[in-house]
Amino acid sequence: GSHNLNAASSRSHCLFTIRIDTLDPSHGGTVKYSSRLSLIDLAGSERVSMTGAKGKTLKEATCINQSLFALRNVITAIASAQQQERAQQHENGR
C-alpha cells in the first residue's frame, strides 16, 4: 500500500549489472580481467517512522525491512569471504 513517502507504492525492485572484460591480444584475445558491478534498488527500505504506516502496511514494511537486513548480511558475508580469498591468493603469489 501507499504511505507518506510514496503515494503510489509499486513494491518494485531494480537490478542493473555492468560487466567489463579486458581482453589480452598477446595471449590470443583471452580474458585477462573480468569485473562486474551490480547496482540494486530494493523497494520497501524506507524508515518506518517516516512513512506514517499503520496496521497491515506497518507490519508489511517491518517484514520487508527485516528481510532486506538479512539480505544485506548475506551480501556482506559473501563480499568479505571473496575479499579474504583474493588477499590469500595475493599473499601466495597467484
N, C-alpha and C. Protein backbone atom coordinates (compact mmCIF):
# COMPACT_ATOMS: atom_id res chain seq x y z
N GLY A 1 0.81 -1.19 0.00
CA GLY A 1 0.00 0.00 0.00
C GLY A 1 0.85 1.25 0.00
N SER A 2 0.18 2.35 -0.16
CA SER A 2 0.89 3.63 -0.18
C SER A 2 1.14 4.12 1.25
N HIS A 3 2.01 5.13 1.37
CA HIS A 3 2.31 5.75 2.66
C HIS A 3 2.81 7.16 2.40
N ASN A 4 3.19 7.87 3.46
CA ASN A 4 3.57 9.29 3.34
C ASN A 4 4.73 9.55 2.39
N LEU A 5 5.65 8.60 2.23
CA LEU A 5 6.81 8.81 1.37
C LEU A 5 6.58 8.34 -0.05
N ASN A 6 5.51 7.60 -0.28
CA ASN A 6 5.27 7.03 -1.60
C ASN A 6 3.77 6.88 -1.82
N ALA A 7 3.19 7.82 -2.54
CA ALA A 7 1.74 7.84 -2.72
C ALA A 7 1.21 6.67 -3.55
N ALA A 8 2.02 6.13 -4.42
CA ALA A 8 1.60 5.01 -5.27
C ALA A 8 2.66 3.93 -5.25
N SER A 9 2.76 3.24 -4.12
CA SER A 9 3.80 2.24 -3.95
C SER A 9 3.66 1.12 -4.96
N SER A 10 4.75 0.81 -5.64
CA SER A 10 4.74 -0.28 -6.61
C SER A 10 5.46 -1.51 -6.09
N ARG A 11 6.17 -1.41 -5.00
CA ARG A 11 6.95 -2.50 -4.43
C ARG A 11 7.92 -3.09 -5.44
N SER A 12 8.39 -2.27 -6.35
CA SER A 12 9.27 -2.78 -7.39
C SER A 12 10.72 -2.73 -6.95
N HIS A 13 11.52 -3.57 -7.58
CA HIS A 13 12.96 -3.61 -7.36
C HIS A 13 13.64 -3.37 -8.69
N CYS A 14 14.89 -2.95 -8.63
CA CYS A 14 15.64 -2.75 -9.86
C CYS A 14 17.05 -3.31 -9.66
N LEU A 15 17.52 -4.06 -10.64
CA LEU A 15 18.87 -4.61 -10.62
C LEU A 15 19.53 -4.23 -11.93
N PHE A 16 20.67 -3.55 -11.84
CA PHE A 16 21.41 -3.12 -13.02
C PHE A 16 22.83 -3.65 -12.87
N THR A 17 23.29 -4.45 -13.83
CA THR A 17 24.62 -5.05 -13.76
C THR A 17 25.47 -4.59 -14.94
N ILE A 18 26.69 -4.16 -14.62
CA ILE A 18 27.67 -3.78 -15.64
C ILE A 18 28.80 -4.80 -15.57
N ARG A 19 29.16 -5.38 -16.70
CA ARG A 19 30.27 -6.32 -16.76
C ARG A 19 31.30 -5.80 -17.74
N ILE A 20 32.54 -5.80 -17.31
CA ILE A 20 33.64 -5.34 -18.16
C ILE A 20 34.68 -6.45 -18.23
N ASP A 21 35.00 -6.87 -19.47
CA ASP A 21 36.04 -7.86 -19.71
C ASP A 21 37.19 -7.18 -20.44
N THR A 22 38.40 -7.42 -19.98
CA THR A 22 39.58 -6.91 -20.65
C THR A 22 40.24 -8.06 -21.39
N LEU A 23 40.39 -7.90 -22.69
CA LEU A 23 41.00 -8.95 -23.50
C LEU A 23 42.47 -8.65 -23.70
N ASP A 24 43.28 -9.69 -23.66
CA ASP A 24 44.72 -9.56 -23.86
C ASP A 24 45.07 -10.12 -25.23
N PRO A 25 45.27 -9.24 -26.24
CA PRO A 25 45.53 -9.71 -27.59
C PRO A 25 46.83 -10.50 -27.71
N SER A 26 47.79 -10.28 -26.81
CA SER A 26 49.06 -11.01 -26.89
C SER A 26 48.91 -12.48 -26.47
N HIS A 27 47.79 -12.81 -25.88
CA HIS A 27 47.53 -14.20 -25.48
C HIS A 27 46.30 -14.74 -26.21
N GLY A 28 46.17 -14.40 -27.48
CA GLY A 28 45.07 -14.94 -28.28
C GLY A 28 43.72 -14.34 -27.98
N GLY A 29 43.71 -13.17 -27.37
CA GLY A 29 42.44 -12.50 -27.09
C GLY A 29 41.66 -13.10 -25.94
N THR A 30 42.34 -13.83 -25.06
CA THR A 30 41.65 -14.42 -23.91
C THR A 30 41.37 -13.35 -22.87
N VAL A 31 40.40 -13.59 -22.03
CA VAL A 31 40.02 -12.63 -21.00
C VAL A 31 41.13 -12.54 -19.96
N LYS A 32 41.62 -11.34 -19.74
CA LYS A 32 42.66 -11.11 -18.73
C LYS A 32 42.01 -10.76 -17.38
N TYR A 33 41.07 -9.83 -17.43
CA TYR A 33 40.36 -9.43 -16.23
C TYR A 33 38.87 -9.37 -16.54
N SER A 34 38.08 -9.73 -15.58
CA SER A 34 36.63 -9.63 -15.72
C SER A 34 36.10 -9.01 -14.44
N SER A 35 35.33 -7.95 -14.58
CA SER A 35 34.76 -7.26 -13.42
C SER A 35 33.27 -7.10 -13.60
N ARG A 36 32.56 -7.10 -12.49
CA ARG A 36 31.11 -6.92 -12.54
C ARG A 36 30.71 -5.99 -11.41
N LEU A 37 29.87 -5.03 -11.74
CA LEU A 37 29.32 -4.09 -10.77
C LEU A 37 27.82 -4.23 -10.81
N SER A 38 27.22 -4.52 -9.67
CA SER A 38 25.76 -4.65 -9.58
C SER A 38 25.22 -3.52 -8.72
N LEU A 39 24.26 -2.80 -9.27
CA LEU A 39 23.57 -1.74 -8.54
C LEU A 39 22.14 -2.24 -8.28
N ILE A 40 21.74 -2.20 -7.02
CA ILE A 40 20.45 -2.77 -6.65
C ILE A 40 19.64 -1.74 -5.87
N ASP A 41 18.39 -1.56 -6.29
CA ASP A 41 17.45 -0.70 -5.58
C ASP A 41 16.30 -1.59 -5.13
N LEU A 42 16.17 -1.78 -3.84
CA LEU A 42 15.14 -2.66 -3.31
C LEU A 42 14.00 -1.84 -2.72
N ALA A 43 12.78 -2.19 -3.09
CA ALA A 43 11.60 -1.50 -2.58
C ALA A 43 11.40 -1.80 -1.10
N GLY A 44 10.80 -0.87 -0.41
CA GLY A 44 10.40 -1.12 0.97
C GLY A 44 11.46 -0.84 2.01
N SER A 45 12.53 -0.16 1.64
CA SER A 45 13.59 0.06 2.61
C SER A 45 13.47 1.41 3.32
N GLU A 46 12.32 2.06 3.22
CA GLU A 46 12.14 3.36 3.88
C GLU A 46 12.11 3.18 5.40
N ARG A 47 12.47 4.24 6.08
CA ARG A 47 12.37 4.22 7.54
C ARG A 47 10.90 4.23 7.93
N VAL A 48 10.49 3.23 8.70
CA VAL A 48 9.08 3.08 9.05
C VAL A 48 8.56 4.31 9.78
N SER A 49 9.38 4.92 10.63
CA SER A 49 8.93 6.10 11.39
C SER A 49 8.60 7.28 10.48
N MET A 50 9.19 7.33 9.29
CA MET A 50 8.94 8.44 8.38
C MET A 50 7.76 8.19 7.44
N THR A 51 7.31 6.95 7.34
CA THR A 51 6.26 6.63 6.37
C THR A 51 4.85 6.91 6.88
N GLY A 52 4.69 6.93 8.21
CA GLY A 52 3.35 7.09 8.78
C GLY A 52 2.51 5.84 8.60
N ALA A 53 3.14 4.71 8.26
CA ALA A 53 2.41 3.46 8.03
C ALA A 53 1.79 2.96 9.32
N LYS A 54 0.59 2.38 9.18
CA LYS A 54 -0.12 1.84 10.33
C LYS A 54 -0.75 0.50 9.95
N GLY A 55 -1.04 -0.30 10.96
CA GLY A 55 -1.75 -1.55 10.74
C GLY A 55 -1.02 -2.52 9.83
N LYS A 56 -1.76 -3.01 8.83
CA LYS A 56 -1.23 -4.03 7.92
C LYS A 56 -0.02 -3.50 7.14
N THR A 57 -0.07 -2.24 6.70
CA THR A 57 1.04 -1.64 5.95
C THR A 57 2.29 -1.55 6.82
N LEU A 58 2.13 -1.22 8.10
CA LEU A 58 3.26 -1.15 9.03
C LEU A 58 3.86 -2.54 9.23
N LYS A 59 3.01 -3.54 9.40
CA LYS A 59 3.51 -4.91 9.59
C LYS A 59 4.26 -5.38 8.35
N GLU A 60 3.70 -5.09 7.18
CA GLU A 60 4.34 -5.47 5.92
C GLU A 60 5.69 -4.78 5.77
N ALA A 61 5.75 -3.48 6.07
CA ALA A 61 7.00 -2.73 5.96
C ALA A 61 8.06 -3.28 6.91
N THR A 62 7.63 -3.64 8.10
CA THR A 62 8.57 -4.20 9.09
C THR A 62 9.15 -5.52 8.58
N CYS A 63 8.31 -6.38 8.02
CA CYS A 63 8.79 -7.66 7.48
C CYS A 63 9.73 -7.45 6.30
N ILE A 64 9.39 -6.50 5.43
CA ILE A 64 10.25 -6.19 4.29
C ILE A 64 11.61 -5.71 4.77
N ASN A 65 11.62 -4.81 5.74
CA ASN A 65 12.88 -4.27 6.24
C ASN A 65 13.72 -5.36 6.92
N GLN A 66 13.09 -6.27 7.63
CA GLN A 66 13.83 -7.38 8.25
C GLN A 66 14.45 -8.27 7.17
N SER A 67 13.70 -8.53 6.11
CA SER A 67 14.22 -9.35 5.01
C SER A 67 15.39 -8.66 4.32
N LEU A 68 15.25 -7.35 4.11
CA LEU A 68 16.33 -6.61 3.46
C LEU A 68 17.58 -6.57 4.33
N PHE A 69 17.41 -6.49 5.64
CA PHE A 69 18.56 -6.51 6.54
C PHE A 69 19.26 -7.87 6.47
N ALA A 70 18.47 -8.95 6.42
CA ALA A 70 19.07 -10.29 6.29
C ALA A 70 19.81 -10.42 4.96
N LEU A 71 19.23 -9.89 3.88
CA LEU A 71 19.89 -9.91 2.58
C LEU A 71 21.19 -9.13 2.63
N ARG A 72 21.18 -7.98 3.29
CA ARG A 72 22.41 -7.19 3.45
C ARG A 72 23.49 -8.00 4.15
N ASN A 73 23.12 -8.72 5.18
CA ASN A 73 24.10 -9.54 5.92
C ASN A 73 24.69 -10.63 5.03
N VAL A 74 23.87 -11.24 4.20
CA VAL A 74 24.35 -12.29 3.29
C VAL A 74 25.32 -11.70 2.27
N ILE A 75 24.94 -10.57 1.67
CA ILE A 75 25.81 -9.92 0.68
C ILE A 75 27.13 -9.51 1.31
N THR A 76 27.08 -8.96 2.51
CA THR A 76 28.30 -8.55 3.20
C THR A 76 29.20 -9.74 3.50
N ALA A 77 28.62 -10.85 3.92
CA ALA A 77 29.41 -12.06 4.22
C ALA A 77 30.06 -12.61 2.96
N ILE A 78 29.33 -12.63 1.86
CA ILE A 78 29.90 -13.12 0.59
C ILE A 78 31.04 -12.22 0.14
N ALA A 79 30.83 -10.91 0.19
CA ALA A 79 31.87 -9.97 -0.23
C ALA A 79 33.11 -10.10 0.65
N SER A 80 32.92 -10.27 1.94
CA SER A 80 34.04 -10.41 2.87
C SER A 80 34.83 -11.68 2.58
N ALA A 81 34.12 -12.78 2.31
CA ALA A 81 34.80 -14.04 2.00
C ALA A 81 35.59 -13.92 0.71
N GLN A 82 35.02 -13.26 -0.30
CA GLN A 82 35.72 -13.08 -1.57
C GLN A 82 36.95 -12.20 -1.38
N GLN A 83 36.84 -11.16 -0.56
CA GLN A 83 37.98 -10.28 -0.31
C GLN A 83 39.10 -11.04 0.40
N GLN A 84 38.75 -11.88 1.36
CA GLN A 84 39.75 -12.68 2.07
C GLN A 84 40.43 -13.66 1.12
N GLU A 85 39.65 -14.25 0.23
CA GLU A 85 40.20 -15.20 -0.74
C GLU A 85 41.19 -14.50 -1.66
N ARG A 86 40.84 -13.32 -2.14
CA ARG A 86 41.76 -12.56 -3.01
C ARG A 86 43.03 -12.17 -2.27
N ALA A 87 42.92 -11.80 -1.02
CA ALA A 87 44.08 -11.44 -0.23
C ALA A 87 45.02 -12.63 -0.05
N GLN A 88 44.45 -13.82 0.20
CA GLN A 88 45.24 -15.03 0.35
C GLN A 88 45.94 -15.39 -0.97
N GLN A 89 45.22 -15.25 -2.08
CA GLN A 89 45.82 -15.53 -3.39
C GLN A 89 46.98 -14.58 -3.65
N HIS A 90 46.81 -13.32 -3.28
CA HIS A 90 47.87 -12.33 -3.49
C HIS A 90 49.09 -12.67 -2.63
N GLU A 91 48.87 -13.09 -1.39
CA GLU A 91 49.97 -13.45 -0.50
C GLU A 91 50.70 -14.69 -1.00
N ASN A 92 49.97 -15.58 -1.63
CA ASN A 92 50.57 -16.82 -2.14
C ASN A 92 51.20 -16.64 -3.52
N GLY A 93 51.17 -15.41 -4.02
CA GLY A 93 51.83 -15.12 -5.29
C GLY A 93 51.06 -15.53 -6.52
N ARG A 94 49.77 -15.68 -6.42
CA ARG A 94 48.96 -16.08 -7.58
C ARG A 94 48.73 -14.93 -8.50
